[in-house]
């Protein structure tokens, strides 16, 4: 049986507990054992992290201890999967550049704020995670990300050049990654910038990519290939 830990907390505006419980149900419906924690200190033990298959951080902002940082980076390098969404993973621990190196990106802005209508463009053929998923439009925060050039981009969104959106628009339209994967030693990293609130996961494409991302990232058993 696959085992997952979901560690939630931080800024309450991202509904960390509600989304974490939804993610836990997604996993349990697939036969996983899922444990929920609202305390970052659980990530300080490399040995305990080595006994699970997937870590899902859902903690916007905050501060991660040096012990927890080292344990997570080491456990992922050793094969632990890590997967998450929105600010819960890539706007966590803003001063922790090691965390950003691991996860592959950092939120820096959401021009237009919540309620912005935009399209997520699937990069076809990039991964089984997005196979048969079509482009879709939603209204939410459109995350502008600074990203690692090593990530494998699965989906992007195009930012408008409308001057009303801010001074960044003088650069013209730009495509920014929305969904990506990355390798870290033996481990796998999955991220989806969607997930400002729990309602976003009622969009079938968003829920499906998260489920597939969890499975893709999970620790691989010996001789298991996906």
Foldseek 3Di string as FASTA:
>chain_A
DAEEEEEADADCLLVGVVQLVVVCVLQVVVVYHYYYHPDLCVLLDLVVLLVHWEYEFQHAADAHDPSSLVSVLVSQLVFHFYEYEARRQQRYHVVDVSSCVVQFKHFDDFQVAFQDKWKKQFDPPQDPLCVPPHIDIDTTGDTAMDGDPQKRAGIWIKDALPCVRDPVSVVPIDIHGAWTKHGRNNFIHTYGNDRSYPVSCVPPSVVSSRSSRRVVGTGADPPDDD
